[in-house]
Amino acid sequence: MPSRAAKRAVNVSVPAELIEAARAEQINLSATLEAALEQQLRLRRRQRWLGDNSGAIAAYNREVQENGTFGDGLRSF
C-alpha cells in the first residue's frame, strides 16, 4: 500500500553482498523496505489486538458453544 505521507531519509546497515544482489535484480530498496515494514506493523498490530481481545473472543466462543447463534433457529438448511 503506497503511502503519500512525507518520507524521511534513513540509514540502514545491510550486508554488501545483499545490496549488490538486490541492485543486480533491480530491486527498489526503499519500496521493499517500506513494504516489509508495513507487513511487520500489520502483523504486530494483529497480534496485539488478538492478545488484547482474547478474553472477549473466548467468552463469545463459549456463548456460541453453549447457546448457539441468534439465527440458528431461523435457518432452513
Foldseek 3Di string as FASTA:
>chain_A
DDDPDDDDDDDDDDPPVVVVVCVVVPHDPVVVVVVVVVVVVVVVVVVVVCVVCVVVVVVVVVCCVVPNDPCPVVDPD
